[in-house]
């Protein structure tokens, strides 16, 4: 799985577990709802600072967005 999709899936899982809509999360952390949507779809590539902001807002470690990461087969050279 592409790492952007992994981050997006994990963000969505944490956000929903907190009972927040994309709009509510966006308001809490000062980002636009469409940006949150783009991250969750894997269409955006958030910076480390953005991941930190989301982690602080959601009260998780930034590493939560990388949960279940596996080395991609294409990385074997």
PDB file of N, CA and C in Angstrom:
ATOM      1  N   UNK A   1       0.849  -1.172   0.000  1.00  0.00           N
ATOM      2  CA  UNK A   1       0.000   0.000   0.000  1.00  0.00           C
ATOM      3  C   UNK A   1       0.898   1.239   0.000  1.00  0.00           C
ATOM      4  N   UNK A   2       0.547   2.198  -0.812  1.00  0.00           N
ATOM      5  CA  UNK A   2       1.247   3.474  -0.862  1.00  0.00           C
ATOM      6  C   UNK A   2       1.203   4.131   0.521  1.00  0.00           C
ATOM      7  N   UNK A   3       2.310   4.702   0.943  1.00  0.00           N
ATOM      8  CA  UNK A   3       2.399   5.268   2.289  1.00  0.00           C
ATOM      9  C   UNK A   3       1.401   6.411   2.496  1.00  0.00           C
ATOM     10  N   UNK A   4       1.081   7.139   1.425  1.00  0.00           N
ATOM     11  CA  UNK A   4       0.082   8.215   1.559  1.00  0.00           C
ATOM     12  C   UNK A   4      -1.300   7.643   1.866  1.00  0.00           C
ATOM     13  N   UNK A   5      -1.619   6.520   1.260  1.00  0.00           N
ATOM     14  CA  UNK A   5      -2.906   5.868   1.545  1.00  0.00           C
ATOM     15  C   UNK A   5      -2.928   5.316   2.962  1.00  0.00           C
ATOM     16  N   UNK A   6      -1.803   4.765   3.392  1.00  0.00           N
ATOM     17  CA  UNK A   6      -1.698   4.244   4.753  1.00  0.00           C
ATOM     18  C   UNK A   6      -1.928   5.360   5.773  1.00  0.00           C
ATOM     19  N   UNK A   7      -1.245   6.484   5.583  1.00  0.00           N
ATOM     20  CA  UNK A   7      -1.424   7.629   6.482  1.00  0.00           C
ATOM     21  C   UNK A   7      -2.873   8.081   6.465  1.00  0.00           C
ATOM     22  N   UNK A   8      -3.447   8.172   5.283  1.00  0.00           N
ATOM     23  CA  UNK A   8      -4.841   8.599   5.158  1.00  0.00           C
ATOM     24  C   UNK A   8      -5.810   7.658   5.846  1.00  0.00           C
ATOM     25  N   UNK A   9      -5.615   6.363   5.641  1.00  0.00           N
ATOM     26  CA  UNK A   9      -6.493   5.379   6.282  1.00  0.00           C
ATOM     27  C   UNK A   9      -6.391   5.458   7.803  1.00  0.00           C
ATOM     28  N   UNK A  10      -5.159   5.602   8.301  1.00  0.00           N
ATOM     29  CA  UNK A  10      -4.964   5.681   9.746  1.00  0.00           C
ATOM     30  C   UNK A  10      -5.533   6.979  10.312  1.00  0.00           C
ATOM     31  N   UNK A  11      -5.362   8.085   9.593  1.00  0.00           N
ATOM     32  CA  UNK A  11      -5.951   9.357  10.024  1.00  0.00           C
ATOM     33  C   UNK A  11      -7.468   9.220  10.119  1.00  0.00           C
ATOM     34  N   UNK A  12      -8.067   8.661   9.097  1.00  0.00           N
ATOM     35  CA  UNK A  12      -9.525   8.491   9.085  1.00  0.00           C
ATOM     36  C   UNK A  12      -9.987   7.624  10.247  1.00  0.00           C
ATOM     37  N   UNK A  13      -9.267   6.543  10.498  1.00  0.00           N
ATOM     38  CA  UNK A  13      -9.624   5.639  11.598  1.00  0.00           C
ATOM     39  C   UNK A  13      -9.576   6.367  12.943  1.00  0.00           C
ATOM     40  N   UNK A  14      -8.511   7.116  13.179  1.00  0.00           N
ATOM     41  CA  UNK A  14      -8.378   7.849  14.448  1.00  0.00           C
ATOM     42  C   UNK A  14      -9.448   8.932  14.549  1.00  0.00           C
ATOM     43  N   UNK A  15      -9.658   9.663  13.462  1.00  0.00           N
ATOM     44  CA  UNK A  15     -10.666  10.738  13.462  1.00  0.00           C
ATOM     45  C   UNK A  15     -12.050  10.185  13.780  1.00  0.00           C
ATOM     46  N   UNK A  16     -12.416   9.111  13.123  1.00  0.00           N
ATOM     47  CA  UNK A  16     -13.738   8.520  13.359  1.00  0.00           C
ATOM     48  C   UNK A  16     -13.853   7.956  14.767  1.00  0.00           C
ATOM     49  N   UNK A  17     -12.776   7.380  15.295  1.00  0.00           N
ATOM     50  CA  UNK A  17     -12.789   6.860  16.665  1.00  0.00           C
ATOM     51  C   UNK A  17     -13.030   7.984  17.674  1.00  0.00           C
ATOM     52  N   UNK A  18     -12.611   9.191  17.322  1.00  0.00           N
ATOM     53  CA  UNK A  18     -12.827  10.357  18.185  1.00  0.00           C
ATOM     54  C   UNK A  18     -14.197  10.989  17.960  1.00  0.00           C
ATOM     55  N   UNK A  19     -14.946  10.455  16.992  1.00  0.00           N
ATOM     56  CA  UNK A  19     -16.283  10.966  16.709  1.00  0.00           C
ATOM     57  C   UNK A  19     -16.283  12.307  15.997  1.00  0.00           C
ATOM     58  N   UNK A  20     -15.219  12.578  15.247  1.00  0.00           N
ATOM     59  CA  UNK A  20     -15.113  13.861  14.553  1.00  0.00           C
ATOM     60  C   UNK A  20     -15.388  13.708  13.065  1.00  0.00           C
ATOM     61  N   UNK A  21     -16.048  14.684  12.504  1.00  0.00           N
ATOM     62  CA  UNK A  21     -16.190  14.758  11.057  1.00  0.00           C
ATOM     63  C   UNK A  21     -14.914  15.385  10.499  1.00  0.00           C
ATOM     64  N   UNK A  22     -14.740  15.303   9.195  1.00  0.00           N
ATOM     65  CA  UNK A  22     -13.592  15.969   8.577  1.00  0.00           C
ATOM     66  C   UNK A  22     -13.656  17.469   8.846  1.00  0.00           C
ATOM     67  N   UNK A  23     -14.836  18.025   8.778  1.00  0.00           N
ATOM     68  CA  UNK A  23     -15.005  19.457   9.008  1.00  0.00           C
ATOM     69  C   UNK A  23     -14.644  19.843  10.446  1.00  0.00           C
ATOM     70  N   UNK A  24     -15.083  19.043  11.405  1.00  0.00           N
ATOM     71  CA  UNK A  24     -14.772  19.338  12.811  1.00  0.00           C
ATOM     72  C   UNK A  24     -13.271  19.255  13.067  1.00  0.00           C
ATOM     73  N   UNK A  25     -12.619  18.243  12.503  1.00  0.00           N
ATOM     74  CA  UNK A  25     -11.177  18.119  12.660  1.00  0.00           C
ATOM     75  C   UNK A  25     -10.474  19.314  12.021  1.00  0.00           C
ATOM     76  N   UNK A  26     -10.907  19.673  10.835  1.00  0.00           N
ATOM     77  CA  UNK A  26     -10.311  20.804  10.133  1.00  0.00           C
ATOM     78  C   UNK A  26     -10.425  22.083  10.963  1.00  0.00           C
ATOM     79  N   UNK A  27     -11.579  22.313  11.541  1.00  0.00           N
ATOM     80  CA  UNK A  27     -11.777  23.509  12.370  1.00  0.00           C
ATOM     81  C   UNK A  27     -10.868  23.487  13.593  1.00  0.00           C
ATOM     82  N   UNK A  28     -10.728  22.329  14.217  1.00  0.00           N
ATOM     83  CA  UNK A  28      -9.919  22.215  15.431  1.00  0.00           C
ATOM     84  C   UNK A  28      -8.438  22.452  15.166  1.00  0.00           C
ATOM     85  N   UNK A  29      -7.959  22.033  14.002  1.00  0.00           N
ATOM     86  CA  UNK A  29      -6.519  22.168  13.757  1.00  0.00           C
ATOM     87  C   UNK A  29      -6.174  23.281  12.777  1.00  0.00           C
ATOM     88  N   UNK A  30      -7.175  23.983  12.263  1.00  0.00           N
ATOM     89  CA  UNK A  30      -6.912  25.130  11.401  1.00  0.00           C
ATOM     90  C   UNK A  30      -6.572  24.788   9.963  1.00  0.00           C
ATOM     91  N   UNK A  31      -6.979  23.618   9.521  1.00  0.00           N
ATOM     92  CA  UNK A  31      -6.783  23.218   8.135  1.00  0.00           C
ATOM     93  C   UNK A  31      -8.120  23.248   7.411  1.00  0.00           C
ATOM     94  N   UNK A  32      -8.097  23.155   6.098  1.00  0.00           N
ATOM     95  CA  UNK A  32      -9.337  23.148   5.326  1.00  0.00           C
ATOM     96  C   UNK A  32      -9.871  21.718   5.235  1.00  0.00           C
ATOM     97  N   UNK A  33     -11.197  21.583   5.231  1.00  0.00           N
ATOM     98  CA  UNK A  33     -11.813  20.261   5.171  1.00  0.00           C
ATOM     99  C   UNK A  33     -11.380  19.487   3.932  1.00  0.00           C
ATOM    100  N   UNK A  34     -11.232  20.162   2.806  1.00  0.00           N
ATOM    101  CA  UNK A  34     -10.837  19.452   1.587  1.00  0.00           C
ATOM    102  C   UNK A  34      -9.393  18.958   1.680  1.00  0.00           C
ATOM    103  N   UNK A  35      -8.568  19.628   2.475  1.00  0.00           N
ATOM    104  CA  UNK A  35      -7.195  19.158   2.681  1.00  0.00           C
ATOM    105  C   UNK A  35      -7.214  17.872   3.510  1.00  0.00           C
ATOM    106  N   UNK A  36      -8.039  17.851   4.559  1.00  0.00           N
ATOM    107  CA  UNK A  36      -8.192  16.627   5.367  1.00  0.00           C
ATOM    108  C   UNK A  36      -8.690  15.492   4.482  1.00  0.00           C
ATOM    109  N   UNK A  37      -9.674  15.782   3.650  1.00  0.00           N
ATOM    110  CA  UNK A  37     -10.210  14.774   2.737  1.00  0.00           C
ATOM    111  C   UNK A  37      -9.120  14.251   1.800  1.00  0.00           C
ATOM    112  N   UNK A  38      -8.309  15.155   1.276  1.00  0.00           N
ATOM    113  CA  UNK A  38      -7.229  14.753   0.378  1.00  0.00           C
ATOM    114  C   UNK A  38      -6.205  13.853   1.056  1.00  0.00           C
ATOM    115  N   UNK A  39      -5.887  14.168   2.306  1.00  0.00           N
ATOM    116  CA  UNK A  39      -4.962  13.308   3.056  1.00  0.00           C
ATOM    117  C   UNK A  39      -5.582  11.930   3.236  1.00  0.00           C
ATOM    118  N   UNK A  40      -6.847  11.891   3.652  1.00  0.00           N
ATOM    119  CA  UNK A  40      -7.502  10.604   3.904  1.00  0.00           C
ATOM    120  C   UNK A  40      -7.632   9.753   2.644  1.00  0.00           C
ATOM    121  N   UNK A  41      -7.752  10.375   1.493  1.00  0.00           N
ATOM    122  CA  UNK A  41      -7.837   9.633   0.230  1.00  0.00           C
ATOM    123  C   UNK A  41      -6.469   9.229  -0.301  1.00  0.00           C
ATOM    124  N   UNK A  42      -5.398   9.739   0.300  1.00  0.00           N
ATOM    125  CA  UNK A  42      -4.057   9.458  -0.181  1.00  0.00           C
ATOM    126  C   UNK A  42      -3.665  10.331  -1.353  1.00  0.00           C
ATOM    127  N   UNK A  43      -4.450  11.378  -1.610  1.00  0.00           N
ATOM    128  CA  UNK A  43      -4.177  12.282  -2.723  1.00  0.00           C
ATOM    129  C   UNK A  43      -3.225  13.406  -2.326  1.00  0.00           C
ATOM    130  N   UNK A  44      -3.071  13.639  -1.034  1.00  0.00           N
ATOM    131  CA  UNK A  44      -2.176  14.692  -0.540  1.00  0.00           C
ATOM    132  C   UNK A  44      -0.998  14.049   0.181  1.00  0.00           C
ATOM    133  N   UNK A  45       0.102  14.760   0.210  1.00  0.00           N
ATOM    134  CA  UNK A  45       1.313  14.280   0.864  1.00  0.00           C
ATOM    135  C   UNK A  45       1.629  15.251   2.004  1.00  0.00           C
ATOM    136  N   UNK A  46       1.065  15.018   3.192  1.00  0.00           N
ATOM    137  CA  UNK A  46       1.233  15.977   4.286  1.00  0.00           C
ATOM    138  C   UNK A  46       2.679  16.046   4.784  1.00  0.00           C
ATOM    139  N   UNK A  47       3.075  17.230   5.201  1.00  0.00           N
ATOM    140  CA  UNK A  47       4.414  17.410   5.758  1.00  0.00           C
ATOM    141  C   UNK A  47       4.463  16.844   7.170  1.00  0.00           C
ATOM    142  N   UNK A  48       5.670  16.719   7.683  1.00  0.00           N
ATOM    143  CA  UNK A  48       5.855  16.260   9.063  1.00  0.00           C
ATOM    144  C   UNK A  48       5.172  17.226  10.032  1.00  0.00           C
ATOM    145  N   UNK A  49       5.227  18.514   9.738  1.00  0.00           N
ATOM    146  CA  UNK A  49       4.579  19.505  10.602  1.00  0.00           C
ATOM    147  C   UNK A  49       3.060  19.333  10.608  1.00  0.00           C
ATOM    148  N   UNK A  50       2.493  19.021   9.453  1.00  0.00           N
ATOM    149  CA  UNK A  50       1.047  18.788   9.383  1.00  0.00           C
ATOM    150  C   UNK A  50       0.673  17.533  10.161  1.00  0.00           C
ATOM    151  N   UNK A  51       1.468  16.483  10.027  1.00  0.00           N
ATOM    152  CA  UNK A  51       1.197  15.256  10.778  1.00  0.00           C
ATOM    153  C   UNK A  51       1.300  15.514  12.277  1.00  0.00           C
ATOM    154  N   UNK A  52       2.263  16.334  12.675  1.00  0.00           N
ATOM    155  CA  UNK A  52       2.390  16.677  14.090  1.00  0.00           C
ATOM    156  C   UNK A  52       1.157  17.452  14.564  1.00  0.00           C
ATOM    157  N   UNK A  53       0.707  18.408  13.777  1.00  0.00           N
ATOM    158  CA  UNK A  53      -0.486  19.185  14.124  1.00  0.00           C
ATOM    159  C   UNK A  53      -1.704  18.279  14.267  1.00  0.00           C
ATOM    160  N   UNK A  54      -1.891  17.368  13.334  1.00  0.00           N
ATOM    161  CA  UNK A  54      -3.014  16.427  13.402  1.00  0.00           C
ATOM    162  C   UNK A  54      -2.896  15.525  14.628  1.00  0.00           C
ATOM    163  N   UNK A  55      -1.688  15.054  14.904  1.00  0.00           N
ATOM    164  CA  UNK A  55      -1.473  14.190  16.066  1.00  0.00           C
ATOM    165  C   UNK A  55      -1.792  14.925  17.363  1.00  0.00           C
ATOM    166  N   UNK A  56      -1.356  16.173  17.480  1.00  0.00           N
ATOM    167  CA  UNK A  56      -1.645  16.964  18.676  1.00  0.00           C
ATOM    168  C   UNK A  56      -3.147  17.161  18.821  1.00  0.00           C
ATOM    169  N   UNK A  57      -3.792  17.512  17.725  1.00  0.00           N
ATOM    170  CA  UNK A  57      -5.241  17.751  17.754  1.00  0.00           C
ATOM    171  C   UNK A  57      -6.001  16.487  18.134  1.00  0.00           C
ATOM    172  N   UNK A  58      -5.559  15.339  17.633  1.00  0.00           N
ATOM    173  CA  UNK A  58      -6.249  14.071  17.893  1.00  0.00           C
ATOM    174  C   UNK A  58      -5.728  13.351  19.136  1.00  0.00           C
ATOM    175  N   UNK A  59      -4.714  13.926  19.775  1.00  0.00           N
ATOM    176  CA  UNK A  59      -4.116  13.373  20.992  1.00  0.00           C
ATOM    177  C   UNK A  59      -3.582  11.952  20.775  1.00  0.00           C
ATOM    178  N   UNK A  60      -2.789  11.820  19.705  1.00  0.00           N
ATOM    179  CA  UNK A  60      -2.087  10.565  19.424  1.00  0.00           C
ATOM    180  C   UNK A  60      -0.636  10.896  19.089  1.00  0.00           C
ATOM    181  N   UNK A  61       0.211   9.882  19.095  1.00  0.00           N
ATOM    182  CA  UNK A  61       1.585  10.070  18.637  1.00  0.00           C
ATOM    183  C   UNK A  61       1.570  10.145  17.108  1.00  0.00           C
ATOM    184  N   UNK A  62       2.445  10.943  16.516  1.00  0.00           N
ATOM    185  CA  UNK A  62       2.493  10.988  15.049  1.00  0.00           C
ATOM    186  C   UNK A  62       2.692   9.601  14.427  1.00  0.00           C
ATOM    187  N   UNK A  63       3.354   8.712  15.135  1.00  0.00           N
ATOM    188  CA  UNK A  63       3.572   7.361  14.611  1.00  0.00           C
ATOM    189  C   UNK A  63       2.264   6.591  14.410  1.00  0.00           C
ATOM    190  N   UNK A  64       1.187   7.046  15.027  1.00  0.00           N
ATOM    191  CA  UNK A  64      -0.110   6.385  14.839  1.00  0.00           C
ATOM    192  C   UNK A  64      -0.532   6.403  13.373  1.00  0.00           C
ATOM    193  N   UNK A  65      -0.068   7.411  12.642  1.00  0.00           N
ATOM    194  CA  UNK A  65      -0.432   7.511  11.230  1.00  0.00           C
ATOM    195  C   UNK A  65       0.366   6.543  10.360  1.00  0.00           C
ATOM    196  N   UNK A  66       1.376   5.907  10.937  1.00  0.00           N
ATOM    197  CA  UNK A  66       2.175   4.915  10.212  1.00  0.00           C
ATOM    198  C   UNK A  66       1.930   3.494  10.714  1.00  0.00           C
ATOM    199  N   UNK A  67       0.929   3.335  11.557  1.00  0.00           N
ATOM    200  CA  UNK A  67       0.605   2.009  12.090  1.00  0.00           C
ATOM    201  C   UNK A  67       0.330   1.047  10.940  1.00  0.00           C
ATOM    202  N   UNK A  68       0.779  -0.163  11.086  1.00  0.00           N
ATOM    203  CA  UNK A  68       0.568  -1.252  10.115  1.00  0.00           C
ATOM    204  C   UNK A  68       1.408  -1.096   8.853  1.00  0.00           C
ATOM    205  N   UNK A  69       2.452  -0.268   8.913  1.00  0.00           N
ATOM    206  CA  UNK A  69       3.336  -0.106   7.756  1.00  0.00           C
ATOM    207  C   UNK A  69       4.093  -1.396   7.495  1.00  0.00           C
ATOM    208  N   UNK A  70       4.217  -1.734   6.227  1.00  0.00           N
ATOM    209  CA  UNK A  70       5.004  -2.892   5.808  1.00  0.00           C
ATOM    210  C   UNK A  70       5.918  -2.464   4.672  1.00  0.00           C
ATOM    211  N   UNK A  71       7.074  -3.036   4.661  1.00  0.00           N
ATOM    212  CA  UNK A  71       8.017  -2.727   3.598  1.00  0.00           C
ATOM    213  C   UNK A  71       7.421  -3.127   2.252  1.00  0.00           C
ATOM    214  N   UNK A  72       7.360  -2.199   1.302  1.00  0.00           N
ATOM    215  CA  UNK A  72       6.792  -2.553  -0.001  1.00  0.00           C
ATOM    216  C   UNK A  72       7.713  -3.503  -0.764  1.00  0.00           C
ATOM    217  N   UNK A  73       7.141  -4.412  -1.526  1.00  0.00           N
ATOM    218  CA  UNK A  73       7.947  -5.375  -2.287  1.00  0.00           C
ATOM    219  C   UNK A  73       8.945  -4.698  -3.217  1.00  0.00           C
ATOM    220  N   UNK A  74       8.590  -3.555  -3.754  1.00  0.00           N
ATOM    221  CA  UNK A  74       9.476  -2.852  -4.694  1.00  0.00           C
ATOM    222  C   UNK A  74      10.723  -2.304  -4.000  1.00  0.00           C
ATOM    223  N   UNK A  75      10.748  -2.291  -2.662  1.00  0.00           N
ATOM    224  CA  UNK A  75      11.904  -1.783  -1.934  1.00  0.00           C
ATOM    225  C   UNK A  75      13.018  -2.822  -1.846  1.00  0.00           C
ATOM    226  N   UNK A  76      12.709  -4.066  -2.170  1.00  0.00           N
ATOM    227  CA  UNK A  76      13.732  -5.126  -2.159  1.00  0.00           C
ATOM    228  C   UNK A  76      14.561  -5.010  -3.445  1.00  0.00           C
ATOM    229  N   UNK A  77      15.816  -4.696  -3.270  1.00  0.00           N
ATOM    230  CA  UNK A  77      16.685  -4.537  -4.460  1.00  0.00           C
ATOM    231  C   UNK A  77      17.894  -5.385  -4.352  1.00  0.00           C
TER     232      UNK A  77
END
